[in-house]
C-alpha atoms as a PDB file:
ATOM      1  CA  UNK A   1       0.000   0.000   0.000  1.00  0.00           C
ATOM      2  CA  UNK A   2       1.107   3.557  -0.541  1.00  0.00           C
ATOM      3  CA  UNK A   3       0.181   6.985   0.800  1.00  0.00           C
ATOM      4  CA  UNK A   4      -2.203   7.778  -2.067  1.00  0.00           C
ATOM      5  CA  UNK A   5      -4.216   4.639  -1.436  1.00  0.00           C
ATOM      6  CA  UNK A   6      -4.406   5.348   2.288  1.00  0.00           C
ATOM      7  CA  UNK A   7      -5.530   8.913   1.553  1.00  0.00           C
ATOM      8  CA  UNK A   8      -8.354   7.632  -0.608  1.00  0.00           C
ATOM      9  CA  UNK A   9      -9.441   5.206   2.114  1.00  0.00           C
ATOM     10  CA  UNK A  10      -9.366   7.900   4.775  1.00  0.00           C
ATOM     11  CA  UNK A  11     -11.385  10.292   2.625  1.00  0.00           C
ATOM     12  CA  UNK A  12     -13.956   7.570   1.965  1.00  0.00           C
ATOM     13  CA  UNK A  13     -14.383   7.145   5.709  1.00  0.00           C
ATOM     14  CA  UNK A  14     -14.834  10.899   6.143  1.00  0.00           C
ATOM     15  CA  UNK A  15     -17.004  11.661   3.105  1.00  0.00           C
ATOM     16  CA  UNK A  16     -18.944   8.471   2.550  1.00  0.00           C
ATOM     17  CA  UNK A  17     -19.031   8.341  -1.247  1.00  0.00           C
ATOM     18  CA  UNK A  18     -16.655   7.787  -4.134  1.00  0.00           C
ATOM     19  CA  UNK A  19     -17.860  10.964  -5.838  1.00  0.00           C
ATOM     20  CA  UNK A  20     -17.184  13.084  -2.752  1.00  0.00           C
ATOM     21  CA  UNK A  21     -13.721  11.527  -2.391  1.00  0.00           C
ATOM     22  CA  UNK A  22     -12.942  12.260  -6.042  1.00  0.00           C
ATOM     23  CA  UNK A  23     -13.978  15.895  -5.607  1.00  0.00           C
ATOM     24  CA  UNK A  24     -11.923  16.282  -2.437  1.00  0.00           C
ATOM     25  CA  UNK A  25      -8.772  14.819  -3.989  1.00  0.00           C
ATOM     26  CA  UNK A  26      -9.275  16.414  -7.434  1.00  0.00           C
ATOM     27  CA  UNK A  27      -9.238  13.063  -9.235  1.00  0.00           C
ATOM     28  CA  UNK A  28     -11.851  11.116 -11.161  1.00  0.00           C
ATOM     29  CA  UNK A  29     -14.219   8.591  -9.529  1.00  0.00           C
ATOM     30  CA  UNK A  30     -12.601   5.846 -11.606  1.00  0.00           C
ATOM     31  CA  UNK A  31      -9.178   6.805 -10.181  1.00  0.00           C
ATOM     32  CA  UNK A  32     -10.654   6.514  -6.677  1.00  0.00           C
ATOM     33  CA  UNK A  33     -11.955   3.023  -7.501  1.00  0.00           C
ATOM     34  CA  UNK A  34      -8.561   2.000  -8.929  1.00  0.00           C
ATOM     35  CA  UNK A  35      -6.718   3.149  -5.805  1.00  0.00           C
ATOM     36  CA  UNK A  36      -9.149   1.286  -3.543  1.00  0.00           C
ATOM     37  CA  UNK A  37      -8.834  -1.851  -5.650  1.00  0.00           C
ATOM     38  CA  UNK A  38      -5.038  -1.668  -5.510  1.00  0.00           C
ATOM     39  CA  UNK A  39      -5.160  -1.239  -1.739  1.00  0.00           C
ATOM     40  CA  UNK A  40      -7.557  -4.162  -1.333  1.00  0.00           C
ATOM     41  CA  UNK A  41      -5.206  -6.493  -3.225  1.00  0.00           C
ATOM     42  CA  UNK A  42      -2.599  -6.049  -0.492  1.00  0.00           C
ATOM     43  CA  UNK A  43      -4.952  -6.678   2.439  1.00  0.00           C
ATOM     44  CA  UNK A  44      -6.401 -10.140   3.299  1.00  0.00           C
ATOM     45  CA  UNK A  45      -9.739  -8.799   4.665  1.00  0.00           C
ATOM     46  CA  UNK A  46     -12.443  -6.714   3.014  1.00  0.00           C
ATOM     47  CA  UNK A  47     -11.988  -2.962   3.459  1.00  0.00           C
ATOM     48  CA  UNK A  48     -15.226  -1.805   1.797  1.00  0.00           C
ATOM     49  CA  UNK A  49     -18.702  -3.180   1.216  1.00  0.00           C
ATOM     50  CA  UNK A  50     -21.790  -2.191  -0.745  1.00  0.00           C
ATOM     51  CA  UNK A  51     -24.660  -0.702   1.167  1.00  0.00           C
ATOM     52  CA  UNK A  52     -27.391  -0.051  -1.361  1.00  0.00           C
ATOM     53  CA  UNK A  53     -25.796   2.158  -4.012  1.00  0.00           C
ATOM     54  CA  UNK A  54     -23.079   3.380  -1.674  1.00  0.00           C
ATOM     55  CA  UNK A  55     -19.606   2.021  -0.963  1.00  0.00           C
ATOM     56  CA  UNK A  56     -18.814   2.124   2.764  1.00  0.00           C
ATOM     57  CA  UNK A  57     -15.956   0.980   4.965  1.00  0.00           C
ATOM     58  CA  UNK A  58     -15.981  -2.284   6.863  1.00  0.00           C
ATOM     59  CA  UNK A  59     -14.670  -2.434  10.429  1.00  0.00           C
ATOM     60  CA  UNK A  60     -11.270  -3.377   9.037  1.00  0.00           C
ATOM     61  CA  UNK A  61     -11.482  -0.512   6.568  1.00  0.00           C
ATOM     62  CA  UNK A  62     -12.262   1.968   9.350  1.00  0.00           C
ATOM     63  CA  UNK A  63      -9.324   0.665  11.407  1.00  0.00           C
ATOM     64  CA  UNK A  64      -6.982   1.122   8.458  1.00  0.00           C
ATOM     65  CA  UNK A  65      -8.459   4.572   7.718  1.00  0.00           C
ATOM     66  CA  UNK A  66      -7.736   5.604  11.314  1.00  0.00           C
ATOM     67  CA  UNK A  67      -4.176   4.345  10.934  1.00  0.00           C
ATOM     68  CA  UNK A  68      -3.918   6.348   7.695  1.00  0.00           C
ATOM     69  CA  UNK A  69      -4.494   9.502   9.730  1.00  0.00           C
ATOM     70  CA  UNK A  70      -1.494   8.604  11.880  1.00  0.00           C
ATOM     71  CA  UNK A  71       0.580   7.948   8.751  1.00  0.00           C
ATOM     72  CA  UNK A  72      -0.411  11.300   7.255  1.00  0.00           C
ATOM     73  CA  UNK A  73       0.488  13.060  10.494  1.00  0.00           C
ATOM     74  CA  UNK A  74       3.873  11.339  10.644  1.00  0.00           C
ATOM     75  CA  UNK A  75       4.568  12.239   7.029  1.00  0.00           C
ATOM     76  CA  UNK A  76       3.647  15.855   7.688  1.00  0.00           C
ATOM     77  CA  UNK A  77       6.050  15.926  10.642  1.00  0.00           C
ATOM     78  CA  UNK A  78       8.759  14.368   8.468  1.00  0.00           C
ATOM     79  CA  UNK A  79       8.209  16.993   5.772  1.00  0.00           C
ATOM     80  CA  UNK A  80       8.481  19.776   8.341  1.00  0.00           C
ATOM     81  CA  UNK A  81      11.698  18.249   9.699  1.00  0.00           C
ATOM     82  CA  UNK A  82      13.180  17.892   6.196  1.00  0.00           C
ATOM     83  CA  UNK A  83      12.217  21.467   5.289  1.00  0.00           C
ATOM     84  CA  UNK A  84      13.833  22.765   8.483  1.00  0.00           C
ATOM     85  CA  UNK A  85      16.995  20.773   7.719  1.00  0.00           C
ATOM     86  CA  UNK A  86      17.177  22.019   4.139  1.00  0.00           C
ATOM     87  CA  UNK A  87      16.484  25.632   5.102  1.00  0.00           C
ATOM     88  CA  UNK A  88      18.875  25.830   8.071  1.00  0.00           C
ATOM     89  CA  UNK A  89      21.493  28.375   6.947  1.00  0.00           C
ATOM     90  CA  UNK A  90      23.915  27.379   9.693  1.00  0.00           C
ATOM     91  CA  UNK A  91      23.800  23.616   9.250  1.00  0.00           C
ATOM     92  CA  UNK A  92      27.176  21.876   9.353  1.00  0.00           C
ATOM     93  CA  UNK A  93      28.779  21.297   5.925  1.00  0.00           C
ATOM     94  CA  UNK A  94      31.559  18.720   5.556  1.00  0.00           C
ATOM     95  CA  UNK A  95      34.055  19.800   2.885  1.00  0.00           C
ATOM     96  CA  UNK A  96      36.853  17.679   1.399  1.00  0.00           C
ATOM     97  CA  UNK A  97      39.585  18.959  -0.913  1.00  0.00           C
ATOM     98  CA  UNK A  98      42.930  17.919  -2.369  1.00  0.00           C
ATOM     99  CA  UNK A  99      45.926  19.669  -0.803  1.00  0.00           C
ATOM    100  CA  UNK A 100      46.438  22.720  -3.035  1.00  0.00           C
ATOM    101  CA  UNK A 101      42.697  23.428  -3.207  1.00  0.00           C
ATOM    102  CA  UNK A 102      42.482  23.038   0.564  1.00  0.00           C
ATOM    103  CA  UNK A 103      45.187  25.667   1.035  1.00  0.00           C
ATOM    104  CA  UNK A 104      43.532  28.013  -1.453  1.00  0.00           C
ATOM    105  CA  UNK A 105      39.877  27.661  -0.413  1.00  0.00           C
ATOM    106  CA  UNK A 106      39.599  26.459   3.193  1.00  0.00           C
ATOM    107  CA  UNK A 107      40.617  29.813   4.730  1.00  0.00           C
ATOM    108  CA  UNK A 108      37.907  31.603   2.721  1.00  0.00           C
ATOM    109  CA  UNK A 109      35.288  29.125   3.925  1.00  0.00           C
ATOM    110  CA  UNK A 110      36.316  29.429   7.567  1.00  0.00           C
ATOM    111  CA  UNK A 111      36.429  33.232   7.450  1.00  0.00           C
ATOM    112  CA  UNK A 112      33.116  33.685   5.658  1.00  0.00           C
ATOM    113  CA  UNK A 113      30.858  32.990   8.633  1.00  0.00           C
ATOM    114  CA  UNK A 114      27.474  31.383   8.069  1.00  0.00           C
ATOM    115  CA  UNK A 115      27.429  27.575   8.027  1.00  0.00           C
ATOM    116  CA  UNK A 116      29.673  25.553  10.299  1.00  0.00           C
ATOM    117  CA  UNK A 117      32.332  24.058   7.995  1.00  0.00           C
ATOM    118  CA  UNK A 118      34.267  20.880   8.773  1.00  0.00           C
ATOM    119  CA  UNK A 119      37.351  20.668   6.545  1.00  0.00           C
ATOM    120  CA  UNK A 120      39.215  17.530   5.512  1.00  0.00           C
ATOM    121  CA  UNK A 121      42.198  17.198   3.178  1.00  0.00           C
ATOM    122  CA  UNK A 122      42.133  14.163   0.852  1.00  0.00           C
ATOM    123  CA  UNK A 123      44.827  13.880  -1.795  1.00  0.00           C
ATOM    124  CA  UNK A 124      43.479  11.030  -3.917  1.00  0.00           C
ATOM    125  CA  UNK A 125      43.716   9.880  -7.497  1.00  0.00           C
ATOM    126  CA  UNK A 126      41.199  11.399  -9.892  1.00  0.00           C
ATOM    127  CA  UNK A 127      38.938   8.351 -10.055  1.00  0.00           C
ATOM    128  CA  UNK A 128      38.409   8.373  -6.280  1.00  0.00           C
ATOM    129  CA  UNK A 129      37.031  11.911  -5.921  1.00  0.00           C
ATOM    130  CA  UNK A 130      33.359  10.997  -6.593  1.00  0.00           C
ATOM    131  CA  UNK A 131      33.485   8.363  -3.847  1.00  0.00           C
ATOM    132  CA  UNK A 132      34.362  11.085  -1.326  1.00  0.00           C
ATOM    133  CA  UNK A 133      30.842  12.481  -1.833  1.00  0.00           C
ATOM    134  CA  UNK A 134      29.507   9.587   0.244  1.00  0.00           C
ATOM    135  CA  UNK A 135      31.093  10.980   3.418  1.00  0.00           C
ATOM    136  CA  UNK A 136      31.323  14.701   2.593  1.00  0.00           C
ATOM    137  CA  UNK A 137      28.715  17.257   1.548  1.00  0.00           C
ATOM    138  CA  UNK A 138      31.103  19.168  -0.739  1.00  0.00           C
ATOM    139  CA  UNK A 139      34.185  17.800  -2.522  1.00  0.00           C
ATOM    140  CA  UNK A 140      36.761  19.935  -4.344  1.00  0.00           C
ATOM    141  CA  UNK A 141      38.250  17.802  -7.114  1.00  0.00           C
ATOM    142  CA  UNK A 142      40.506  18.341 -10.106  1.00  0.00           C
ATOM    143  CA  UNK A 143      40.853  16.747 -13.507  1.00  0.00           C
ATOM    144  CA  UNK A 144      42.686  17.486 -16.729  1.00  0.00           C
ATOM    145  CA  UNK A 145      41.139  18.768 -19.953  1.00  0.00           C
ATOM    146  CA  UNK A 146      41.676  15.359 -21.559  1.00  0.00           C
ATOM    147  CA  UNK A 147      40.094  13.430 -18.693  1.00  0.00           C
ATOM    148  CA  UNK A 148      36.543  12.043 -18.856  1.00  0.00           C
ATOM    149  CA  UNK A 149      33.826  14.107 -17.136  1.00  0.00           C
ATOM    150  CA  UNK A 150      32.616  13.373 -13.631  1.00  0.00           C
ATOM    151  CA  UNK A 151      29.774  10.835 -13.233  1.00  0.00           C
ATOM    152  CA  UNK A 152      26.322  12.100 -14.207  1.00  0.00           C
ATOM    153  CA  UNK A 153      25.026  11.134 -10.752  1.00  0.00           C
ATOM    154  CA  UNK A 154      27.077  13.968  -9.189  1.00  0.00           C
ATOM    155  CA  UNK A 155      26.170  17.671  -9.375  1.00  0.00           C
ATOM    156  CA  UNK A 156      29.218  19.597 -10.638  1.00  0.00           C
ATOM    157  CA  UNK A 157      29.997  23.294 -10.089  1.00  0.00           C
ATOM    158  CA  UNK A 158      33.073  24.473 -12.069  1.00  0.00           C
ATOM    159  CA  UNK A 159      35.395  26.705 -10.053  1.00  0.00           C
ATOM    160  CA  UNK A 160      38.567  27.200 -12.088  1.00  0.00           C
ATOM    161  CA  UNK A 161      40.068  26.271 -15.407  1.00  0.00           C
ATOM    162  CA  UNK A 162      43.603  26.702 -14.190  1.00  0.00           C
ATOM    163  CA  UNK A 163      46.743  26.844 -16.392  1.00  0.00           C
ATOM    164  CA  UNK A 164      49.704  24.689 -15.372  1.00  0.00           C
ATOM    165  CA  UNK A 165      53.156  26.298 -15.507  1.00  0.00           C
ATOM    166  CA  UNK A 166      56.728  25.174 -14.973  1.00  0.00           C
ATOM    167  CA  UNK A 167      58.172  26.213 -11.609  1.00  0.00           C
ATOM    168  CA  UNK A 168      61.781  27.379 -12.004  1.00  0.00           C
ATOM    169  CA  UNK A 169      64.241  28.611  -9.331  1.00  0.00           C
ATOM    170  CA  UNK A 170      64.787  32.386  -9.560  1.00  0.00           C
ATOM    171  CA  UNK A 171      68.502  31.927 -10.260  1.00  0.00           C
ATOM    172  CA  UNK A 172      67.957  29.483 -13.129  1.00  0.00           C
ATOM    173  CA  UNK A 173      68.612  30.771 -16.673  1.00  0.00           C
ATOM    174  CA  UNK A 174      65.069  29.803 -17.721  1.00  0.00           C
ATOM    175  CA  UNK A 175      63.703  32.174 -15.064  1.00  0.00           C
ATOM    176  CA  UNK A 176      64.845  35.098 -17.218  1.00  0.00           C
ATOM    177  CA  UNK A 177      62.469  34.055 -20.019  1.00  0.00           C
ATOM    178  CA  UNK A 178      58.749  34.857 -20.261  1.00  0.00           C
ATOM    179  CA  UNK A 179      58.011  31.337 -21.515  1.00  0.00           C
ATOM    180  CA  UNK A 180      59.854  28.042 -21.854  1.00  0.00           C
ATOM    181  CA  UNK A 181      59.686  25.263 -24.421  1.00  0.00           C
ATOM    182  CA  UNK A 182      59.446  21.521 -24.003  1.00  0.00           C
ATOM    183  CA  UNK A 183      62.902  21.185 -25.584  1.00  0.00           C
ATOM    184  CA  UNK A 184      64.387  23.599 -23.016  1.00  0.00           C
ATOM    185  CA  UNK A 185      63.053  21.768 -19.950  1.00  0.00           C
ATOM    186  CA  UNK A 186      63.374  18.132 -21.022  1.00  0.00           C
ATOM    187  CA  UNK A 187      66.988  17.836 -19.890  1.00  0.00           C
ATOM    188  CA  UNK A 188      66.269  19.102 -16.373  1.00  0.00           C
ATOM    189  CA  UNK A 189      65.533  16.821 -13.391  1.00  0.00           C
ATOM    190  CA  UNK A 190      61.852  16.934 -12.391  1.00  0.00           C
ATOM    191  CA  UNK A 191      59.770  16.753  -9.250  1.00  0.00           C
ATOM    192  CA  UNK A 192      56.555  14.897 -10.157  1.00  0.00           C
ATOM    193  CA  UNK A 193      53.447  13.589  -8.440  1.00  0.00           C
ATOM    194  CA  UNK A 194      52.935   9.875  -7.890  1.00  0.00           C
ATOM    195  CA  UNK A 195      51.415   7.583 -10.507  1.00  0.00           C
ATOM    196  CA  UNK A 196      47.643   7.921 -10.936  1.00  0.00           C
ATOM    197  CA  UNK A 197      47.414  11.590  -9.931  1.00  0.00           C
ATOM    198  CA  UNK A 198      46.159  14.235 -12.377  1.00  0.00           C
ATOM    199  CA  UNK A 199      49.306  16.375 -12.667  1.00  0.00           C
ATOM    200  CA  UNK A 200      51.409  13.514 -14.034  1.00  0.00           C
ATOM    201  CA  UNK A 201      49.853  13.396 -17.522  1.00  0.00           C
ATOM    202  CA  UNK A 202      50.942  16.968 -18.471  1.00  0.00           C
ATOM    203  CA  UNK A 203      54.555  16.029 -17.690  1.00  0.00           C
ATOM    204  CA  UNK A 204      54.211  13.075 -20.031  1.00  0.00           C
ATOM    205  CA  UNK A 205      52.834  15.473 -22.657  1.00  0.00           C
ATOM    206  CA  UNK A 206      55.888  17.730 -22.252  1.00  0.00           C
ATOM    207  CA  UNK A 207      58.143  14.731 -22.752  1.00  0.00           C
ATOM    208  CA  UNK A 208      56.195  13.677 -25.844  1.00  0.00           C
ATOM    209  CA  UNK A 209      56.503  17.186 -27.286  1.00  0.00           C
ATOM    210  CA  UNK A 210      60.258  17.156 -26.622  1.00  0.00           C
ATOM    211  CA  UNK A 211      60.703  13.707 -28.135  1.00  0.00           C
ATOM    212  CA  UNK A 212      61.867  11.926 -24.990  1.00  0.00           C
ATOM    213  CA  UNK A 213      60.535  11.357 -21.482  1.00  0.00           C
ATOM    214  CA  UNK A 214      61.382  13.655 -18.604  1.00  0.00           C
ATOM    215  CA  UNK A 215      63.784  12.510 -15.895  1.00  0.00           C
ATOM    216  CA  UNK A 216      61.809  12.171 -12.656  1.00  0.00           C
ATOM    217  CA  UNK A 217      64.146  12.752  -9.722  1.00  0.00           C
ATOM    218  CA  UNK A 218      61.573  13.018  -6.926  1.00  0.00           C
ATOM    219  CA  UNK A 219      57.947  11.946  -6.326  1.00  0.00           C
ATOM    220  CA  UNK A 220      56.125  14.579  -4.266  1.00  0.00           C
ATOM    221  CA  UNK A 221      52.358  15.182  -4.175  1.00  0.00           C
ATOM    222  CA  UNK A 222      52.366  18.113  -1.744  1.00  0.00           C
ATOM    223  CA  UNK A 223      52.954  21.278  -3.796  1.00  0.00           C
ATOM    224  CA  UNK A 224      54.430  23.132  -0.803  1.00  0.00           C
ATOM    225  CA  UNK A 225      57.136  20.482  -0.503  1.00  0.00           C
ATOM    226  CA  UNK A 226      57.637  20.464  -4.275  1.00  0.00           C
ATOM    227  CA  UNK A 227      58.028  24.269  -4.274  1.00  0.00           C
ATOM    228  CA  UNK A 228      60.645  24.015  -1.503  1.00  0.00           C
ATOM    229  CA  UNK A 229      62.607  21.466  -3.548  1.00  0.00           C
ATOM    230  CA  UNK A 230      62.454  23.660  -6.654  1.00  0.00           C
ATOM    231  CA  UNK A 231      63.728  26.613  -4.631  1.00  0.00           C
ATOM    232  CA  UNK A 232      66.578  24.432  -3.344  1.00  0.00           C
ATOM    233  CA  UNK A 233      67.596  23.600  -6.924  1.00  0.00           C
ATOM    234  CA  UNK A 234      66.474  19.972  -6.851  1.00  0.00           C
ATOM    235  CA  UNK A 235      64.682  20.240 -10.183  1.00  0.00           C
ATOM    236  CA  UNK A 236      61.688  21.718 -11.967  1.00  0.00           C
ATOM    237  CA  UNK A 237      58.042  21.041 -11.172  1.00  0.00           C
ATOM    238  CA  UNK A 238      54.648  21.631 -12.719  1.00  0.00           C
ATOM    239  CA  UNK A 239      52.586  24.098 -10.673  1.00  0.00           C
ATOM    240  CA  UNK A 240      49.027  25.437 -10.976  1.00  0.00           C
ATOM    241  CA  UNK A 241      49.057  29.147 -11.767  1.00  0.00           C
ATOM    242  CA  UNK A 242      46.426  30.382  -9.288  1.00  0.00           C
ATOM    243  CA  UNK A 243      46.572  27.920  -6.396  1.00  0.00           C
ATOM    244  CA  UNK A 244      50.326  27.258  -6.203  1.00  0.00           C
ATOM    245  CA  UNK A 245      51.829  27.918  -2.758  1.00  0.00           C
ATOM    246  CA  UNK A 246      53.559  31.269  -2.344  1.00  0.00           C
ATOM    247  CA  UNK A 247      57.322  30.731  -2.669  1.00  0.00           C
ATOM    248  CA  UNK A 248      59.621  33.716  -3.206  1.00  0.00           C
ATOM    249  CA  UNK A 249      62.432  31.488  -4.434  1.00  0.00           C
ATOM    250  CA  UNK A 250      60.719  30.383  -7.646  1.00  0.00           C
ATOM    251  CA  UNK A 251      58.887  31.737 -10.683  1.00  0.00           C
ATOM    252  CA  UNK A 252      56.233  30.178 -12.909  1.00  0.00           C
ATOM    253  CA  UNK A 253      56.687  30.034 -16.662  1.00  0.00           C
ATOM    254  CA  UNK A 254      54.133  28.719 -19.207  1.00  0.00           C
ATOM    255  CA  UNK A 255      55.240  26.140 -21.777  1.00  0.00           C
ATOM    256  CA  UNK A 256      55.116  27.811 -25.166  1.00  0.00           C
ATOM    257  CA  UNK A 257      52.924  26.090 -27.736  1.00  0.00           C
ATOM    258  CA  UNK A 258      51.209  23.796 -25.229  1.00  0.00           C
ATOM    259  CA  UNK A 259      47.809  24.141 -23.541  1.00  0.00           C
ATOM    260  CA  UNK A 260      48.382  22.650 -20.104  1.00  0.00           C
ATOM    261  CA  UNK A 261      45.517  23.168 -17.675  1.00  0.00           C
ATOM    262  CA  UNK A 262      43.302  21.489 -15.118  1.00  0.00           C
ATOM    263  CA  UNK A 263      39.695  21.881 -14.019  1.00  0.00           C
ATOM    264  CA  UNK A 264      38.921  22.465 -10.351  1.00  0.00           C
ATOM    265  CA  UNK A 265      35.302  21.489  -9.748  1.00  0.00           C
ATOM    266  CA  UNK A 266      32.993  21.135  -6.771  1.00  0.00           C
ATOM    267  CA  UNK A 267      31.250  17.760  -6.558  1.00  0.00           C
ATOM    268  CA  UNK A 268      28.015  17.445  -4.570  1.00  0.00           C
ATOM    269  CA  UNK A 269      25.337  14.789  -4.422  1.00  0.00           C
ATOM    270  CA  UNK A 270      22.147  16.336  -5.895  1.00  0.00           C
ATOM    271  CA  UNK A 271      20.066  15.806  -2.750  1.00  0.00           C
ATOM    272  CA  UNK A 272      22.684  17.589  -0.634  1.00  0.00           C
ATOM    273  CA  UNK A 273      22.745  20.531  -3.020  1.00  0.00           C
ATOM    274  CA  UNK A 274      19.188  21.308  -1.844  1.00  0.00           C
ATOM    275  CA  UNK A 275      20.475  22.357   1.595  1.00  0.00           C
ATOM    276  CA  UNK A 276      20.682  26.106   2.204  1.00  0.00           C
ATOM    277  CA  UNK A 277      24.012  25.744   4.031  1.00  0.00           C
ATOM    278  CA  UNK A 278      25.543  23.794   1.124  1.00  0.00           C
ATOM    279  CA  UNK A 279      24.377  26.424  -1.356  1.00  0.00           C
ATOM    280  CA  UNK A 280      26.012  29.097   0.815  1.00  0.00           C
ATOM    281  CA  UNK A 281      29.306  27.175   0.794  1.00  0.00           C
ATOM    282  CA  UNK A 282      29.127  26.835  -3.000  1.00  0.00           C
ATOM    283  CA  UNK A 283      28.608  30.599  -3.334  1.00  0.00           C
ATOM    284  CA  UNK A 284      31.599  31.267  -1.065  1.00  0.00           C
ATOM    285  CA  UNK A 285      33.801  28.933  -3.100  1.00  0.00           C
ATOM    286  CA  UNK A 286      32.750  30.588  -6.367  1.00  0.00           C
ATOM    287  CA  UNK A 287      33.548  34.032  -4.999  1.00  0.00           C
ATOM    288  CA  UNK A 288      36.927  32.839  -3.741  1.00  0.00           C
ATOM    289  CA  UNK A 289      37.731  31.388  -7.171  1.00  0.00           C
ATOM    290  CA  UNK A 290      36.826  34.715  -8.809  1.00  0.00           C
ATOM    291  CA  UNK A 291      39.232  36.520  -6.480  1.00  0.00           C
ATOM    292  CA  UNK A 292      42.034  34.090  -7.296  1.00  0.00           C
ATOM    293  CA  UNK A 293      41.723  34.607 -11.041  1.00  0.00           C
ATOM    294  CA  UNK A 294      41.400  38.396 -10.668  1.00  0.00           C
ATOM    295  CA  UNK A 295      44.974  38.675  -9.358  1.00  0.00           C
END
């Protein structure tokens, strides 16, 4: 049985005729009869009986109609509770982000006021970002231009389409140039992310453009650590233009003739996007992204 069938039964007990029930529920008399018939198929005792030309409830039907009132009341309470949850502007929002996005966006979220934000850093491979939506309300994820889109079951809000540049120590000859080429950087040692992480593929593209693979000297996922190694002269690294950690000892140079970039997106389950507090967090993230690209 479902709520519509119980509503029809309850109205029949209150109004006493199929026609009156149809008028009250704004459906046809035949629809009323169909709902009653469907309800009767799931109950082992008669719920209605003929009395002259009228259809009336049996004792069992009246008992079920009374129970339907309790069901309707419980559903109404549930709807009120859900509405209050969705409309609460200060409800707690759990936010996950990979390390460089966490450094760039978490301070803005915590300083904005409004919802209570619980932050968690998760540096995972690209394919694992959607799974984080099971335990977090908002997930900041990144993917490359050439990567497949996020699953259709996830609501996606684009934040940045961020260029990727080569990080060079300030004393390096390449730092004096406005741009670098794949041929100029291929002979240098490199600091790269681990296998399976999004920023590895652009390095492979640089090697392909230069005609031979890059020499990977160090495997570092944390961009702050990578920036420190670049500053120390340990090699070059690929850095995002807007969310790279501040490091006075290095400069960023684009690779001439190559479009290297990543998408930073916000992933949210559609039902969680209905919450007022989640929508507020999304607006804060969008504003923070606009400020980053305005610099």
